[in-house]
C-alpha cells in the first residue's frame, strides 16, 4: 500500500495518461464515475443525508487526515473551505511532478457531480499553486460566495504569471472561467 502523499503522484500521472490516450471527456467520466460514484460514495451518502453537517463531517475528517492547511466555516447558507496548503498539489510541486495540465480540475471533476446529486452548487477558485477556496451552497440559493480575502489577499496567491481558475454555481470542470495573470511573468 502506498501512502497518501505518494498516491498523489500516481493519481496525477494517471490523469495525464488517460487524457492523452482517451481524451478529456473520458478523463472527466473517470472523475465522475470512479471517484464521485465509487471511491467517494461514502462522502456522497453523508452529504446527501446531512447536507452542510455532512460536509463538515466529511471534510473535517478528510482534510485533517491529509494534514491540509485549511480553515472551514459553516453558515446558514454555505459551507466554506479556505485551503492555505493543499497537501496533494503541494506534494506535486515540491517533488517536481507535473504530468497533467491541470491537476486541480480533478477536485471539481468529482465534487461537482456529487454536489449536484445532493442539491448543491460550487463557488470555487484555485491558483494552481496549492491554494484555493470552496463554497458550497444549495442549488436554489441566490447567495453567491465572494472570494476569500484570507486566501486571495495572501502574498503568494497571485505570483507573477499565475492563472486563476474561477467557478460560480458550478457542477462540472468545464464550468470555469479563467482569470489571466494580473502581472505576467
N, C-alpha and C. Protein backbone atom coordinates (compact mmCIF):
# COMPACT_ATOMS: atom_id res chain seq x y z
N UNK A 1 0.84 -1.17 0.00
CA UNK A 1 0.00 0.00 0.00
C UNK A 1 0.89 1.24 0.00
N UNK A 2 0.51 2.22 -0.81
CA UNK A 2 1.28 3.47 -0.84
C UNK A 2 0.63 4.50 0.07
N UNK A 3 1.43 5.42 0.54
CA UNK A 3 0.94 6.46 1.43
C UNK A 3 0.13 7.51 0.70
N UNK A 4 -0.56 8.33 1.45
CA UNK A 4 -1.43 9.37 0.91
C UNK A 4 -0.67 10.30 -0.04
N UNK A 5 0.50 10.75 0.36
CA UNK A 5 1.23 11.71 -0.47
C UNK A 5 1.77 11.05 -1.73
N UNK A 6 2.32 9.83 -1.62
CA UNK A 6 2.82 9.14 -2.80
C UNK A 6 1.70 8.87 -3.79
N UNK A 7 0.53 8.64 -3.27
CA UNK A 7 -0.64 8.39 -4.11
C UNK A 7 -0.88 9.55 -5.07
N UNK A 8 -0.64 10.77 -4.62
CA UNK A 8 -0.90 11.95 -5.45
C UNK A 8 -0.10 11.92 -6.74
N UNK A 9 1.13 11.50 -6.70
CA UNK A 9 1.95 11.41 -7.90
C UNK A 9 1.41 10.40 -8.88
N UNK A 10 0.95 9.26 -8.39
CA UNK A 10 0.37 8.24 -9.26
C UNK A 10 -0.96 8.70 -9.84
N UNK A 11 -1.73 9.35 -9.01
CA UNK A 11 -3.03 9.89 -9.41
C UNK A 11 -2.85 10.89 -10.55
N UNK A 12 -1.93 11.82 -10.35
CA UNK A 12 -1.68 12.88 -11.32
C UNK A 12 -1.16 12.30 -12.64
N UNK A 13 -0.28 11.33 -12.56
CA UNK A 13 0.23 10.67 -13.76
C UNK A 13 -0.90 9.97 -14.51
N UNK A 14 -1.79 9.31 -13.77
CA UNK A 14 -2.93 8.62 -14.38
C UNK A 14 -3.83 9.60 -15.12
N UNK A 15 -4.06 10.77 -14.55
CA UNK A 15 -4.88 11.78 -15.23
C UNK A 15 -4.27 12.17 -16.57
N UNK A 16 -2.97 12.41 -16.59
CA UNK A 16 -2.29 12.79 -17.83
C UNK A 16 -2.36 11.66 -18.85
N UNK A 17 -2.11 10.44 -18.40
CA UNK A 17 -2.14 9.29 -19.30
C UNK A 17 -3.53 9.08 -19.89
N UNK A 18 -4.55 9.16 -19.05
CA UNK A 18 -5.93 8.97 -19.53
C UNK A 18 -6.31 10.03 -20.55
N UNK A 19 -6.00 11.28 -20.23
CA UNK A 19 -6.38 12.35 -21.15
C UNK A 19 -5.62 12.23 -22.47
N UNK A 20 -4.36 11.92 -22.42
CA UNK A 20 -3.55 11.78 -23.63
C UNK A 20 -4.04 10.62 -24.50
N UNK A 21 -4.42 9.52 -23.87
CA UNK A 21 -4.80 8.33 -24.63
C UNK A 21 -6.28 8.22 -24.97
N UNK A 22 -7.14 8.86 -24.16
CA UNK A 22 -8.57 8.68 -24.36
C UNK A 22 -9.35 9.99 -24.49
N UNK A 23 -8.71 11.12 -24.21
CA UNK A 23 -9.36 12.42 -24.34
C UNK A 23 -9.90 12.96 -23.03
N UNK A 24 -10.18 14.25 -23.04
CA UNK A 24 -10.65 14.95 -21.84
C UNK A 24 -11.99 14.43 -21.35
N UNK A 25 -12.89 14.13 -22.27
CA UNK A 25 -14.21 13.64 -21.87
C UNK A 25 -14.10 12.32 -21.09
N UNK A 26 -13.22 11.42 -21.53
CA UNK A 26 -13.03 10.16 -20.82
C UNK A 26 -12.45 10.40 -19.43
N UNK A 27 -11.52 11.36 -19.33
CA UNK A 27 -10.97 11.69 -18.02
C UNK A 27 -12.05 12.24 -17.09
N UNK A 28 -12.89 13.12 -17.61
CA UNK A 28 -13.97 13.67 -16.80
C UNK A 28 -14.97 12.58 -16.40
N UNK A 29 -15.21 11.62 -17.29
CA UNK A 29 -16.06 10.48 -16.95
C UNK A 29 -15.44 9.70 -15.79
N UNK A 30 -14.12 9.53 -15.82
CA UNK A 30 -13.42 8.83 -14.75
C UNK A 30 -13.60 9.55 -13.42
N UNK A 31 -13.41 10.86 -13.42
CA UNK A 31 -13.58 11.63 -12.18
C UNK A 31 -15.00 11.44 -11.64
N UNK A 32 -15.98 11.54 -12.54
CA UNK A 32 -17.39 11.45 -12.12
C UNK A 32 -17.76 10.04 -11.68
N UNK A 33 -17.36 9.04 -12.45
CA UNK A 33 -17.79 7.68 -12.17
C UNK A 33 -16.91 6.96 -11.15
N UNK A 34 -15.59 6.99 -11.34
CA UNK A 34 -14.70 6.22 -10.48
C UNK A 34 -14.46 6.90 -9.14
N UNK A 35 -14.41 8.23 -9.14
CA UNK A 35 -14.15 8.92 -7.87
C UNK A 35 -15.47 9.26 -7.18
N UNK A 36 -16.29 10.13 -7.81
CA UNK A 36 -17.56 10.53 -7.17
C UNK A 36 -18.50 9.35 -6.99
N UNK A 37 -18.60 8.49 -8.01
CA UNK A 37 -19.58 7.41 -7.98
C UNK A 37 -19.11 6.12 -7.35
N UNK A 38 -17.82 6.03 -7.02
CA UNK A 38 -17.31 4.80 -6.44
C UNK A 38 -16.46 5.06 -5.20
N UNK A 39 -15.24 5.57 -5.39
CA UNK A 39 -14.34 5.66 -4.24
C UNK A 39 -14.80 6.66 -3.19
N UNK A 40 -15.59 7.64 -3.56
CA UNK A 40 -16.07 8.63 -2.59
C UNK A 40 -17.57 8.54 -2.37
N UNK A 41 -18.14 7.36 -2.61
CA UNK A 41 -19.58 7.19 -2.44
C UNK A 41 -20.00 7.42 -0.98
N UNK A 42 -19.09 7.15 -0.05
CA UNK A 42 -19.38 7.41 1.37
C UNK A 42 -19.56 8.91 1.61
N UNK A 43 -18.78 9.75 0.92
CA UNK A 43 -18.92 11.20 1.05
C UNK A 43 -20.26 11.65 0.49
N UNK A 44 -20.62 11.11 -0.68
CA UNK A 44 -21.89 11.47 -1.30
C UNK A 44 -23.06 11.10 -0.39
N UNK A 45 -23.03 9.91 0.18
CA UNK A 45 -24.11 9.47 1.06
C UNK A 45 -24.21 10.37 2.29
N UNK A 46 -23.09 10.73 2.86
CA UNK A 46 -23.06 11.59 4.04
C UNK A 46 -23.62 12.98 3.72
N UNK A 47 -23.23 13.55 2.60
CA UNK A 47 -23.69 14.89 2.22
C UNK A 47 -25.15 14.87 1.80
N UNK A 48 -25.58 13.83 1.09
CA UNK A 48 -27.00 13.74 0.73
C UNK A 48 -27.88 13.60 1.97
N UNK A 49 -27.40 12.84 2.95
CA UNK A 49 -28.20 12.62 4.16
C UNK A 49 -28.19 13.80 5.12
N UNK A 50 -27.04 14.49 5.25
CA UNK A 50 -26.90 15.51 6.29
C UNK A 50 -26.65 16.92 5.78
N UNK A 51 -26.53 17.11 4.46
CA UNK A 51 -26.31 18.45 3.92
C UNK A 51 -25.03 19.09 4.44
N UNK A 52 -25.15 20.32 4.93
CA UNK A 52 -23.97 21.05 5.41
C UNK A 52 -23.28 20.32 6.56
N UNK A 53 -24.05 19.69 7.43
CA UNK A 53 -23.44 18.94 8.54
C UNK A 53 -22.62 17.76 8.00
N UNK A 54 -23.09 17.13 6.93
CA UNK A 54 -22.34 16.05 6.30
C UNK A 54 -21.05 16.55 5.67
N UNK A 55 -21.09 17.76 5.07
CA UNK A 55 -19.88 18.35 4.50
C UNK A 55 -18.86 18.61 5.61
N UNK A 56 -19.36 19.18 6.69
CA UNK A 56 -18.49 19.49 7.83
C UNK A 56 -17.84 18.21 8.36
N UNK A 57 -18.61 17.16 8.46
CA UNK A 57 -18.10 15.88 8.97
C UNK A 57 -17.09 15.27 7.99
N UNK A 58 -17.45 15.21 6.70
CA UNK A 58 -16.57 14.58 5.72
C UNK A 58 -15.26 15.35 5.57
N UNK A 59 -15.34 16.65 5.27
CA UNK A 59 -14.11 17.39 5.02
C UNK A 59 -13.30 17.62 6.30
N UNK A 60 -13.96 17.73 7.42
CA UNK A 60 -13.21 17.85 8.67
C UNK A 60 -12.31 16.65 8.88
N UNK A 61 -12.87 15.47 8.67
CA UNK A 61 -12.08 14.24 8.83
C UNK A 61 -11.02 14.11 7.74
N UNK A 62 -11.44 14.26 6.49
CA UNK A 62 -10.55 14.02 5.35
C UNK A 62 -9.38 14.99 5.32
N UNK A 63 -9.65 16.28 5.47
CA UNK A 63 -8.58 17.27 5.39
C UNK A 63 -7.63 17.18 6.58
N UNK A 64 -8.15 16.80 7.73
CA UNK A 64 -7.25 16.57 8.88
C UNK A 64 -6.38 15.34 8.64
N UNK A 65 -6.96 14.29 8.09
CA UNK A 65 -6.22 13.06 7.78
C UNK A 65 -5.09 13.33 6.79
N UNK A 66 -5.35 14.22 5.82
CA UNK A 66 -4.34 14.56 4.80
C UNK A 66 -3.36 15.63 5.27
N UNK A 67 -3.55 16.15 6.47
CA UNK A 67 -2.70 17.21 7.02
C UNK A 67 -2.75 18.48 6.16
N UNK A 68 -3.94 18.82 5.71
CA UNK A 68 -4.12 20.03 4.90
C UNK A 68 -4.04 21.26 5.79
N UNK A 69 -3.57 22.36 5.22
CA UNK A 69 -3.61 23.64 5.90
C UNK A 69 -4.86 24.36 5.43
N UNK A 70 -5.89 24.41 6.27
CA UNK A 70 -7.17 24.94 5.83
C UNK A 70 -7.95 25.51 7.01
N UNK A 71 -8.98 26.28 6.67
CA UNK A 71 -10.00 26.66 7.64
C UNK A 71 -11.34 26.33 7.00
N UNK A 72 -12.31 26.01 7.81
CA UNK A 72 -13.66 25.71 7.32
C UNK A 72 -14.66 26.45 8.18
N UNK A 73 -15.70 26.97 7.54
CA UNK A 73 -16.74 27.71 8.23
C UNK A 73 -18.09 27.31 7.66
N UNK A 74 -19.02 27.05 8.54
CA UNK A 74 -20.38 26.73 8.13
C UNK A 74 -21.29 27.87 8.54
N UNK A 75 -22.06 28.36 7.57
CA UNK A 75 -23.08 29.37 7.87
C UNK A 75 -24.44 28.77 7.53
N UNK A 76 -25.48 29.55 7.65
CA UNK A 76 -26.80 29.07 7.29
C UNK A 76 -26.96 28.80 5.81
N UNK A 77 -26.18 29.48 4.98
CA UNK A 77 -26.33 29.40 3.52
C UNK A 77 -25.21 28.65 2.81
N UNK A 78 -24.06 28.48 3.47
CA UNK A 78 -22.92 27.87 2.79
C UNK A 78 -22.06 27.05 3.74
N UNK A 79 -21.25 26.20 3.13
CA UNK A 79 -20.14 25.57 3.84
C UNK A 79 -18.91 25.97 3.04
N UNK A 80 -17.93 26.55 3.71
CA UNK A 80 -16.78 27.14 3.03
C UNK A 80 -15.48 26.54 3.55
N UNK A 81 -14.56 26.30 2.60
CA UNK A 81 -13.22 25.83 2.92
C UNK A 81 -12.23 26.78 2.27
N UNK A 82 -11.30 27.28 3.05
CA UNK A 82 -10.19 28.08 2.53
C UNK A 82 -8.93 27.23 2.69
N UNK A 83 -8.37 26.80 1.56
CA UNK A 83 -7.21 25.91 1.57
C UNK A 83 -5.94 26.74 1.44
N UNK A 84 -5.20 26.81 2.53
CA UNK A 84 -3.94 27.55 2.55
C UNK A 84 -2.79 26.70 2.02
N UNK A 85 -2.87 25.39 2.25
CA UNK A 85 -1.83 24.45 1.80
C UNK A 85 -2.48 23.15 1.40
N UNK A 86 -2.70 22.98 0.10
CA UNK A 86 -3.25 21.72 -0.40
C UNK A 86 -2.16 20.65 -0.32
N UNK A 87 -2.39 19.58 0.42
CA UNK A 87 -1.35 18.56 0.54
C UNK A 87 -1.08 17.86 -0.79
N UNK A 88 -2.10 17.67 -1.60
CA UNK A 88 -1.92 16.99 -2.88
C UNK A 88 -1.09 17.82 -3.85
N UNK A 89 -1.54 19.03 -4.12
CA UNK A 89 -0.81 19.89 -5.06
C UNK A 89 0.55 20.26 -4.48
N UNK A 90 0.61 20.48 -3.19
CA UNK A 90 1.89 20.79 -2.55
C UNK A 90 2.91 19.67 -2.74
N UNK A 91 2.45 18.41 -2.62
CA UNK A 91 3.34 17.27 -2.84
C UNK A 91 3.86 17.27 -4.27
N UNK A 92 2.96 17.51 -5.22
CA UNK A 92 3.37 17.51 -6.63
C UNK A 92 4.38 18.62 -6.90
N UNK A 93 4.11 19.80 -6.38
CA UNK A 93 5.03 20.94 -6.60
C UNK A 93 6.39 20.65 -5.97
N UNK A 94 6.38 20.22 -4.71
CA UNK A 94 7.66 20.02 -4.01
C UNK A 94 8.49 18.88 -4.60
N UNK A 95 7.84 17.98 -5.34
CA UNK A 95 8.56 16.87 -5.94
C UNK A 95 8.71 17.00 -7.46
N UNK A 96 8.38 18.17 -7.99
CA UNK A 96 8.55 18.42 -9.42
C UNK A 96 7.71 17.51 -10.30
N UNK A 97 6.52 17.14 -9.84
CA UNK A 97 5.65 16.24 -10.59
C UNK A 97 4.54 17.04 -11.27
N UNK A 98 4.66 17.20 -12.56
CA UNK A 98 3.62 17.89 -13.33
C UNK A 98 3.43 17.18 -14.65
N UNK A 99 2.64 16.13 -14.63
CA UNK A 99 2.34 15.39 -15.84
C UNK A 99 1.05 15.89 -16.48
N UNK A 100 0.05 16.16 -15.63
CA UNK A 100 -1.26 16.59 -16.14
C UNK A 100 -1.32 18.10 -16.23
N UNK A 101 -2.01 18.60 -17.23
CA UNK A 101 -2.07 20.04 -17.48
C UNK A 101 -2.78 20.82 -16.38
N UNK A 102 -3.73 20.20 -15.67
CA UNK A 102 -4.44 20.91 -14.60
C UNK A 102 -4.94 19.92 -13.55
N UNK A 103 -4.04 19.48 -12.70
CA UNK A 103 -4.36 18.52 -11.65
C UNK A 103 -5.53 19.00 -10.79
N UNK A 104 -5.58 20.29 -10.54
CA UNK A 104 -6.62 20.84 -9.65
C UNK A 104 -8.03 20.62 -10.19
N UNK A 105 -8.19 20.44 -11.49
CA UNK A 105 -9.52 20.21 -12.07
C UNK A 105 -10.16 18.93 -11.55
N UNK A 106 -9.37 17.96 -11.09
CA UNK A 106 -9.99 16.72 -10.64
C UNK A 106 -10.90 16.94 -9.43
N UNK A 107 -10.60 17.95 -8.63
CA UNK A 107 -11.46 18.20 -7.46
C UNK A 107 -12.88 18.56 -7.89
N UNK A 108 -13.01 19.56 -8.75
CA UNK A 108 -14.35 19.92 -9.22
C UNK A 108 -14.92 18.79 -10.08
N UNK A 109 -14.04 17.99 -10.70
CA UNK A 109 -14.47 16.88 -11.54
C UNK A 109 -15.23 15.81 -10.79
N UNK A 110 -14.92 15.61 -9.51
CA UNK A 110 -15.69 14.64 -8.73
C UNK A 110 -16.61 15.32 -7.72
N UNK A 111 -16.18 16.46 -7.19
CA UNK A 111 -17.01 17.14 -6.19
C UNK A 111 -18.24 17.77 -6.84
N UNK A 112 -18.09 18.34 -8.03
CA UNK A 112 -19.22 18.98 -8.71
C UNK A 112 -20.39 18.04 -8.92
N UNK A 113 -20.18 16.87 -9.56
CA UNK A 113 -21.30 15.95 -9.74
C UNK A 113 -21.89 15.44 -8.43
N UNK A 114 -21.02 15.21 -7.44
CA UNK A 114 -21.50 14.76 -6.14
C UNK A 114 -22.41 15.82 -5.52
N UNK A 115 -21.98 17.09 -5.59
CA UNK A 115 -22.78 18.17 -5.03
C UNK A 115 -24.09 18.35 -5.80
N UNK A 116 -24.03 18.23 -7.11
CA UNK A 116 -25.25 18.34 -7.92
C UNK A 116 -26.28 17.31 -7.47
N UNK A 117 -25.84 16.06 -7.31
CA UNK A 117 -26.75 15.00 -6.89
C UNK A 117 -27.34 15.25 -5.50
N UNK A 118 -26.61 15.99 -4.67
CA UNK A 118 -27.08 16.29 -3.30
C UNK A 118 -27.86 17.60 -3.25
N UNK A 119 -27.98 18.32 -4.40
CA UNK A 119 -28.75 19.56 -4.44
C UNK A 119 -27.94 20.82 -4.17
N UNK A 120 -26.62 20.77 -4.39
CA UNK A 120 -25.75 21.91 -4.14
C UNK A 120 -24.99 22.32 -5.40
N UNK A 121 -24.47 23.53 -5.40
CA UNK A 121 -23.54 24.01 -6.42
C UNK A 121 -22.29 24.52 -5.73
N UNK A 122 -21.26 24.79 -6.54
CA UNK A 122 -19.95 25.13 -6.02
C UNK A 122 -19.49 26.49 -6.54
N UNK A 123 -19.02 27.32 -5.63
CA UNK A 123 -18.27 28.52 -5.98
C UNK A 123 -16.84 28.21 -5.54
N UNK A 124 -15.87 28.47 -6.42
CA UNK A 124 -14.52 27.99 -6.15
C UNK A 124 -13.51 28.76 -6.99
N UNK A 125 -12.32 28.95 -6.44
CA UNK A 125 -11.19 29.46 -7.20
C UNK A 125 -9.95 28.71 -6.75
N UNK A 126 -9.06 28.44 -7.73
CA UNK A 126 -7.75 27.86 -7.38
C UNK A 126 -6.66 28.49 -8.23
N UNK A 127 -5.47 28.55 -7.63
CA UNK A 127 -4.36 29.26 -8.27
C UNK A 127 -3.28 28.32 -8.83
N UNK A 128 -3.50 27.02 -8.82
CA UNK A 128 -2.54 26.05 -9.35
C UNK A 128 -1.25 26.00 -8.53
N UNK A 129 -1.25 26.63 -7.37
CA UNK A 129 -0.05 26.68 -6.51
C UNK A 129 -0.33 26.08 -5.13
N UNK A 130 -1.45 25.36 -4.99
CA UNK A 130 -1.78 24.74 -3.71
C UNK A 130 -2.66 25.57 -2.81
N UNK A 131 -3.26 26.62 -3.37
CA UNK A 131 -4.18 27.47 -2.59
C UNK A 131 -5.50 27.57 -3.35
N UNK A 132 -6.59 27.49 -2.60
CA UNK A 132 -7.90 27.61 -3.23
C UNK A 132 -8.93 27.93 -2.15
N UNK A 133 -10.14 28.25 -2.60
CA UNK A 133 -11.26 28.36 -1.69
C UNK A 133 -12.48 27.72 -2.35
N UNK A 134 -13.33 27.16 -1.51
CA UNK A 134 -14.55 26.47 -1.93
C UNK A 134 -15.71 26.99 -1.10
N UNK A 135 -16.85 27.20 -1.73
CA UNK A 135 -18.08 27.48 -1.00
C UNK A 135 -19.19 26.65 -1.65
N UNK A 136 -19.84 25.85 -0.84
CA UNK A 136 -20.94 25.01 -1.31
C UNK A 136 -22.24 25.64 -0.84
N UNK A 137 -23.20 25.74 -1.76
CA UNK A 137 -24.50 26.33 -1.43
C UNK A 137 -25.59 25.55 -2.15
N UNK A 138 -26.79 25.66 -1.65
CA UNK A 138 -27.92 24.96 -2.26
C UNK A 138 -28.16 25.48 -3.67
N UNK A 139 -28.62 24.59 -4.56
CA UNK A 139 -28.84 24.96 -5.95
C UNK A 139 -29.82 26.12 -6.10
N UNK A 140 -30.77 26.22 -5.20
CA UNK A 140 -31.78 27.30 -5.30
C UNK A 140 -31.37 28.56 -4.55
N UNK A 141 -30.18 28.58 -3.99
CA UNK A 141 -29.70 29.75 -3.25
C UNK A 141 -29.27 30.85 -4.21
N UNK A 142 -29.66 32.06 -3.90
CA UNK A 142 -29.25 33.22 -4.70
C UNK A 142 -27.97 33.85 -4.16
N UNK A 143 -27.51 33.39 -3.02
CA UNK A 143 -26.31 33.94 -2.42
C UNK A 143 -25.08 33.43 -3.18
N UNK A 144 -24.34 34.34 -3.77
CA UNK A 144 -23.11 33.96 -4.45
C UNK A 144 -21.95 34.25 -3.51
N UNK A 145 -21.06 33.30 -3.39
CA UNK A 145 -19.93 33.45 -2.49
C UNK A 145 -18.89 34.40 -3.07
N UNK A 146 -18.24 35.12 -2.20
CA UNK A 146 -17.18 36.02 -2.64
C UNK A 146 -15.84 35.36 -2.34
N UNK A 147 -14.83 35.81 -3.04
CA UNK A 147 -13.51 35.23 -2.82
C UNK A 147 -13.06 35.51 -1.39
N UNK A 148 -12.19 34.67 -0.92
CA UNK A 148 -11.71 34.77 0.45
C UNK A 148 -10.52 35.71 0.53
N UNK A 149 -10.66 36.78 1.26
CA UNK A 149 -9.54 37.70 1.43
C UNK A 149 -8.37 37.02 2.13
N UNK A 150 -8.67 36.04 2.99
CA UNK A 150 -7.60 35.33 3.69
C UNK A 150 -6.73 34.55 2.71
N UNK A 151 -7.32 34.08 1.65
CA UNK A 151 -6.57 33.33 0.63
C UNK A 151 -6.09 34.26 -0.47
N UNK A 152 -7.02 34.98 -1.10
CA UNK A 152 -6.66 35.78 -2.27
C UNK A 152 -5.88 37.03 -1.91
N UNK A 153 -5.91 37.43 -0.64
CA UNK A 153 -5.12 38.57 -0.20
C UNK A 153 -3.71 38.21 0.21
N UNK A 154 -3.43 36.91 0.28
CA UNK A 154 -2.10 36.46 0.66
C UNK A 154 -1.09 36.80 -0.43
N UNK A 155 0.11 37.08 -0.03
CA UNK A 155 1.15 37.49 -0.98
C UNK A 155 1.42 36.42 -2.04
N UNK A 156 1.23 35.13 -1.69
CA UNK A 156 1.54 34.08 -2.66
C UNK A 156 0.32 33.57 -3.42
N UNK A 157 -0.80 34.28 -3.37
CA UNK A 157 -2.00 33.88 -4.11
C UNK A 157 -1.80 34.08 -5.61
N UNK A 158 -1.21 35.17 -6.00
CA UNK A 158 -1.13 35.51 -7.41
C UNK A 158 0.29 35.92 -7.82
N UNK A 159 1.24 34.99 -7.68
CA UNK A 159 2.60 35.34 -8.11
C UNK A 159 2.65 35.58 -9.61
N UNK A 160 3.70 36.19 -10.07
CA UNK A 160 3.85 36.55 -11.48
C UNK A 160 3.47 35.38 -12.38
N UNK A 161 2.59 35.66 -13.34
CA UNK A 161 2.22 34.67 -14.34
C UNK A 161 1.14 33.68 -13.92
N UNK A 162 0.56 33.85 -12.73
CA UNK A 162 -0.42 32.89 -12.23
C UNK A 162 -1.78 33.10 -12.89
N UNK A 163 -2.36 32.00 -13.36
CA UNK A 163 -3.71 31.98 -13.90
C UNK A 163 -4.62 31.46 -12.80
N UNK A 164 -5.75 32.11 -12.59
CA UNK A 164 -6.71 31.70 -11.57
C UNK A 164 -7.92 31.09 -12.26
N UNK A 165 -8.28 29.87 -11.88
CA UNK A 165 -9.50 29.24 -12.39
C UNK A 165 -10.64 29.59 -11.44
N UNK A 166 -11.76 30.06 -12.01
CA UNK A 166 -12.90 30.54 -11.23
C UNK A 166 -14.17 29.78 -11.60
N UNK A 167 -14.92 29.39 -10.60
CA UNK A 167 -16.18 28.68 -10.79
C UNK A 167 -17.26 29.38 -9.97
N UNK A 168 -18.39 29.64 -10.58
CA UNK A 168 -19.54 30.22 -9.87
C UNK A 168 -20.77 29.37 -10.17
N UNK A 169 -21.35 28.78 -9.15
CA UNK A 169 -22.51 27.92 -9.33
C UNK A 169 -22.20 26.71 -10.19
N UNK A 170 -21.02 26.15 -10.03
CA UNK A 170 -20.51 25.10 -10.90
C UNK A 170 -20.87 23.70 -10.44
N UNK A 171 -20.85 22.78 -11.39
CA UNK A 171 -21.01 21.35 -11.11
C UNK A 171 -20.12 20.51 -12.02
N UNK A 172 -19.30 21.16 -12.86
CA UNK A 172 -18.50 20.45 -13.88
C UNK A 172 -17.18 21.20 -14.09
N UNK A 173 -16.09 20.47 -14.41
CA UNK A 173 -14.80 21.13 -14.61
C UNK A 173 -14.80 22.18 -15.73
N UNK A 174 -15.66 22.02 -16.72
CA UNK A 174 -15.71 22.98 -17.82
C UNK A 174 -16.56 24.21 -17.52
N UNK A 175 -17.09 24.31 -16.30
CA UNK A 175 -17.89 25.48 -15.90
C UNK A 175 -17.01 26.66 -15.51
N UNK A 176 -15.72 26.56 -15.71
CA UNK A 176 -14.82 27.60 -15.21
C UNK A 176 -14.65 28.74 -16.20
N UNK A 177 -14.29 29.87 -15.59
CA UNK A 177 -13.74 30.97 -16.35
C UNK A 177 -12.30 31.09 -15.87
N UNK A 178 -11.46 31.63 -16.71
CA UNK A 178 -10.05 31.75 -16.37
C UNK A 178 -9.70 33.21 -16.28
N UNK A 179 -9.16 33.58 -15.12
CA UNK A 179 -8.69 34.95 -14.93
C UNK A 179 -7.20 34.97 -15.26
N UNK A 180 -6.83 35.68 -16.33
CA UNK A 180 -5.41 35.70 -16.71
C UNK A 180 -4.57 36.40 -15.66
N UNK A 181 -3.27 36.20 -15.74
CA UNK A 181 -2.36 36.81 -14.75
C UNK A 181 -2.50 38.32 -14.71
N UNK A 182 -2.52 38.86 -13.47
CA UNK A 182 -2.51 40.31 -13.28
C UNK A 182 -1.13 40.87 -13.61
N UNK A 183 -0.14 40.07 -13.36
CA UNK A 183 1.24 40.51 -13.51
C UNK A 183 2.03 39.43 -14.25
N UNK A 184 1.91 39.39 -15.59
CA UNK A 184 2.56 38.31 -16.36
C UNK A 184 4.06 38.22 -16.07
N UNK A 185 4.54 37.00 -16.12
CA UNK A 185 5.96 36.74 -15.87
C UNK A 185 6.81 37.26 -17.02
